Amino acid sequence: MDKVTAATAHEALTFVGAGRGAVEVGASARRYYARPDVAYVHVHDAPPVEWALVWRADAATARVRAFAEAAADLVAEHR
């Protein structure tokens, strides 16, 4: 099989749907990228996927910092 490179998640799943590869994704991908041509298979012994907020350093406005702080507080409440 030839090597293919995808620039986006949608492009990667298009390759998968065409039978040209496989991609490891987090469980949320099934919900956000539902496709009839792709089967999502749970890997029971895989480590959990961790998520983080990211933004450009030169775009760290007061709103961005406030949102990040609110998100961190929300996560802390659920741990």
N, C-alpha and C. Protein backbone atom coordinates (compact mmCIF):
# COMPACT_ATOMS: atom_id res chain seq x y z
N MET A 1 0.85 -1.18 0.00
CA MET A 1 0.00 0.00 0.00
C MET A 1 0.89 1.24 0.00
N ASP A 2 0.55 2.21 -0.82
CA ASP A 2 1.30 3.47 -0.86
C ASP A 2 1.05 4.28 0.39
N LYS A 3 2.06 5.02 0.81
CA LYS A 3 1.91 5.91 1.97
C LYS A 3 1.07 7.12 1.57
N VAL A 4 0.11 7.47 2.41
CA VAL A 4 -0.70 8.66 2.18
C VAL A 4 -0.55 9.58 3.38
N THR A 5 -0.67 10.86 3.13
CA THR A 5 -0.56 11.85 4.19
C THR A 5 -1.81 12.71 4.16
N ALA A 6 -2.40 12.92 5.32
CA ALA A 6 -3.60 13.74 5.44
C ALA A 6 -3.27 15.02 6.18
N ALA A 7 -3.87 16.11 5.74
CA ALA A 7 -3.65 17.40 6.39
C ALA A 7 -4.72 17.70 7.43
N THR A 8 -5.86 17.03 7.36
CA THR A 8 -6.95 17.30 8.30
C THR A 8 -7.58 15.98 8.75
N ALA A 9 -8.36 16.04 9.80
CA ALA A 9 -9.06 14.84 10.27
C ALA A 9 -10.03 14.34 9.21
N HIS A 10 -10.73 15.25 8.56
CA HIS A 10 -11.68 14.84 7.51
C HIS A 10 -10.96 14.13 6.38
N GLU A 11 -9.80 14.64 6.00
CA GLU A 11 -9.04 14.00 4.93
C GLU A 11 -8.56 12.62 5.36
N ALA A 12 -8.09 12.49 6.59
CA ALA A 12 -7.64 11.19 7.09
C ALA A 12 -8.78 10.19 7.06
N LEU A 13 -9.96 10.60 7.49
CA LEU A 13 -11.10 9.69 7.50
C LEU A 13 -11.57 9.35 6.09
N THR A 14 -11.35 10.24 5.15
CA THR A 14 -11.65 9.93 3.75
C THR A 14 -10.75 8.80 3.26
N PHE A 15 -9.46 8.85 3.62
CA PHE A 15 -8.56 7.76 3.26
C PHE A 15 -9.01 6.46 3.92
N VAL A 16 -9.38 6.52 5.18
CA VAL A 16 -9.85 5.33 5.88
C VAL A 16 -11.09 4.77 5.20
N GLY A 17 -12.05 5.63 4.90
CA GLY A 17 -13.28 5.20 4.25
C GLY A 17 -13.05 4.58 2.88
N ALA A 18 -11.97 5.00 2.22
CA ALA A 18 -11.63 4.45 0.90
C ALA A 18 -10.77 3.19 1.01
N GLY A 19 -10.52 2.74 2.26
CA GLY A 19 -9.72 1.54 2.46
C GLY A 19 -8.23 1.76 2.28
N ARG A 20 -7.78 2.99 2.45
CA ARG A 20 -6.36 3.31 2.23
C ARG A 20 -5.61 3.55 3.53
N GLY A 21 -6.15 3.16 4.67
CA GLY A 21 -5.43 3.34 5.91
C GLY A 21 -6.29 3.16 7.14
N ALA A 22 -5.66 3.42 8.27
CA ALA A 22 -6.33 3.35 9.57
C ALA A 22 -5.79 4.50 10.41
N VAL A 23 -6.61 5.00 11.31
CA VAL A 23 -6.22 6.14 12.14
C VAL A 23 -6.68 5.87 13.57
N GLU A 24 -5.79 6.14 14.52
CA GLU A 24 -6.19 6.07 15.93
C GLU A 24 -6.75 7.42 16.32
N VAL A 25 -7.95 7.41 16.89
CA VAL A 25 -8.60 8.65 17.32
C VAL A 25 -9.20 8.43 18.70
N GLY A 26 -9.52 9.53 19.37
CA GLY A 26 -10.20 9.44 20.65
C GLY A 26 -11.66 9.02 20.45
N ALA A 27 -12.28 8.57 21.51
CA ALA A 27 -13.65 8.08 21.44
C ALA A 27 -14.63 9.15 20.95
N SER A 28 -14.35 10.41 21.20
CA SER A 28 -15.26 11.47 20.76
C SER A 28 -15.33 11.59 19.25
N ALA A 29 -14.35 11.05 18.54
CA ALA A 29 -14.36 11.14 17.08
C ALA A 29 -15.59 10.46 16.50
N ARG A 30 -16.06 9.42 17.13
CA ARG A 30 -17.26 8.71 16.64
C ARG A 30 -18.45 9.66 16.58
N ARG A 31 -18.55 10.54 17.55
CA ARG A 31 -19.66 11.49 17.60
C ARG A 31 -19.44 12.65 16.63
N TYR A 32 -18.24 13.20 16.61
CA TYR A 32 -17.98 14.40 15.80
C TYR A 32 -17.72 14.10 14.33
N TYR A 33 -17.24 12.92 14.04
CA TYR A 33 -16.91 12.56 12.65
C TYR A 33 -17.65 11.30 12.22
N ALA A 34 -18.93 11.22 12.51
CA ALA A 34 -19.71 10.05 12.13
C ALA A 34 -19.75 9.93 10.61
N ARG A 35 -19.41 8.76 10.11
CA ARG A 35 -19.38 8.50 8.67
C ARG A 35 -19.84 7.08 8.43
N PRO A 36 -20.66 6.87 7.40
CA PRO A 36 -21.12 5.51 7.12
C PRO A 36 -20.02 4.61 6.55
N ASP A 37 -18.93 5.20 6.05
CA ASP A 37 -17.86 4.40 5.45
C ASP A 37 -16.70 4.12 6.40
N VAL A 38 -16.84 4.50 7.67
CA VAL A 38 -15.77 4.31 8.65
C VAL A 38 -16.33 3.58 9.87
N ALA A 39 -15.64 2.52 10.29
CA ALA A 39 -16.02 1.79 11.51
C ALA A 39 -15.08 2.21 12.63
N TYR A 40 -15.63 2.61 13.75
CA TYR A 40 -14.84 2.97 14.93
C TYR A 40 -14.81 1.76 15.85
N VAL A 41 -13.62 1.33 16.20
CA VAL A 41 -13.44 0.15 17.04
C VAL A 41 -12.77 0.57 18.34
N HIS A 42 -13.42 0.29 19.47
CA HIS A 42 -12.87 0.66 20.77
C HIS A 42 -11.66 -0.23 21.08
N VAL A 43 -10.56 0.37 21.48
CA VAL A 43 -9.37 -0.36 21.90
C VAL A 43 -9.35 -0.30 23.42
N HIS A 44 -9.72 -1.39 24.04
CA HIS A 44 -9.95 -1.42 25.49
C HIS A 44 -8.70 -1.16 26.33
N ASP A 45 -7.53 -1.55 25.85
CA ASP A 45 -6.34 -1.39 26.67
C ASP A 45 -5.50 -0.17 26.26
N ALA A 46 -6.07 0.72 25.46
CA ALA A 46 -5.34 1.94 25.08
C ALA A 46 -5.39 2.95 26.22
N PRO A 47 -4.34 3.74 26.36
CA PRO A 47 -4.37 4.76 27.40
C PRO A 47 -5.41 5.83 27.06
N PRO A 48 -5.94 6.52 28.06
CA PRO A 48 -6.94 7.55 27.77
C PRO A 48 -6.32 8.71 27.00
N VAL A 49 -7.14 9.35 26.20
CA VAL A 49 -6.70 10.53 25.45
C VAL A 49 -6.90 11.75 26.33
N GLU A 50 -5.89 12.58 26.41
CA GLU A 50 -6.01 13.81 27.19
C GLU A 50 -6.13 15.00 26.26
N TRP A 51 -6.96 15.97 26.63
CA TRP A 51 -7.22 17.15 25.82
C TRP A 51 -6.72 18.38 26.55
N ALA A 52 -6.41 19.39 25.79
CA ALA A 52 -5.96 20.65 26.39
C ALA A 52 -6.39 21.81 25.51
N LEU A 53 -6.60 22.95 26.13
CA LEU A 53 -6.87 24.18 25.37
C LEU A 53 -5.55 24.74 24.87
N VAL A 54 -5.54 25.19 23.64
CA VAL A 54 -4.35 25.83 23.09
C VAL A 54 -4.77 27.07 22.32
N TRP A 55 -3.89 28.05 22.28
CA TRP A 55 -4.13 29.25 21.49
C TRP A 55 -2.78 29.88 21.17
N ARG A 56 -2.78 30.74 20.19
CA ARG A 56 -1.54 31.42 19.81
C ARG A 56 -1.11 32.33 20.96
N ALA A 57 0.17 32.31 21.25
CA ALA A 57 0.70 33.11 22.36
C ALA A 57 0.41 34.59 22.17
N ASP A 58 0.44 35.07 20.93
CA ASP A 58 0.20 36.49 20.69
C ASP A 58 -1.28 36.84 20.66
N ALA A 59 -2.14 35.85 20.93
CA ALA A 59 -3.58 36.09 20.95
C ALA A 59 -4.17 35.85 22.35
N ALA A 60 -3.36 35.91 23.36
CA ALA A 60 -3.81 35.65 24.73
C ALA A 60 -4.49 36.89 25.30
N THR A 61 -5.71 37.12 24.87
CA THR A 61 -6.47 38.27 25.34
C THR A 61 -7.07 37.97 26.71
N ALA A 62 -7.67 38.97 27.31
CA ALA A 62 -8.33 38.78 28.61
C ALA A 62 -9.46 37.76 28.48
N ARG A 63 -10.18 37.78 27.37
CA ARG A 63 -11.27 36.80 27.16
C ARG A 63 -10.72 35.38 27.07
N VAL A 64 -9.63 35.22 26.34
CA VAL A 64 -9.03 33.89 26.21
C VAL A 64 -8.58 33.39 27.58
N ARG A 65 -7.90 34.23 28.33
CA ARG A 65 -7.45 33.83 29.67
C ARG A 65 -8.64 33.53 30.58
N ALA A 66 -9.71 34.31 30.51
CA ALA A 66 -10.90 34.06 31.34
C ALA A 66 -11.56 32.73 30.96
N PHE A 67 -11.63 32.45 29.66
CA PHE A 67 -12.21 31.18 29.22
C PHE A 67 -11.35 30.02 29.72
N ALA A 68 -10.04 30.13 29.58
CA ALA A 68 -9.14 29.07 30.03
C ALA A 68 -9.27 28.84 31.53
N GLU A 69 -9.39 29.91 32.28
CA GLU A 69 -9.55 29.80 33.73
C GLU A 69 -10.88 29.12 34.08
N ALA A 70 -11.95 29.51 33.39
CA ALA A 70 -13.26 28.89 33.64
C ALA A 70 -13.23 27.41 33.29
N ALA A 71 -12.59 27.07 32.20
CA ALA A 71 -12.49 25.66 31.81
C ALA A 71 -11.68 24.88 32.84
N ALA A 72 -10.58 25.44 33.31
CA ALA A 72 -9.76 24.77 34.32
C ALA A 72 -10.55 24.58 35.61
N ASP A 73 -11.33 25.57 36.00
CA ASP A 73 -12.16 25.45 37.20
C ASP A 73 -13.20 24.34 37.04
N LEU A 74 -13.80 24.26 35.87
CA LEU A 74 -14.80 23.22 35.60
C LEU A 74 -14.18 21.83 35.68
N VAL A 75 -13.00 21.67 35.12
CA VAL A 75 -12.32 20.38 35.17
C VAL A 75 -11.99 20.04 36.62
N ALA A 76 -11.50 21.01 37.37
CA ALA A 76 -11.14 20.76 38.77
C ALA A 76 -12.36 20.32 39.59
N GLU A 77 -13.52 20.87 39.29
CA GLU A 77 -14.75 20.49 40.01
C GLU A 77 -15.13 19.04 39.75
N HIS A 78 -14.76 18.50 38.60
CA HIS A 78 -15.16 17.13 38.22
C HIS A 78 -14.08 16.09 38.47
N ARG A 79 -13.04 16.47 39.18
CA ARG A 79 -11.98 15.48 39.51
C ARG A 79 -12.12 15.02 40.90
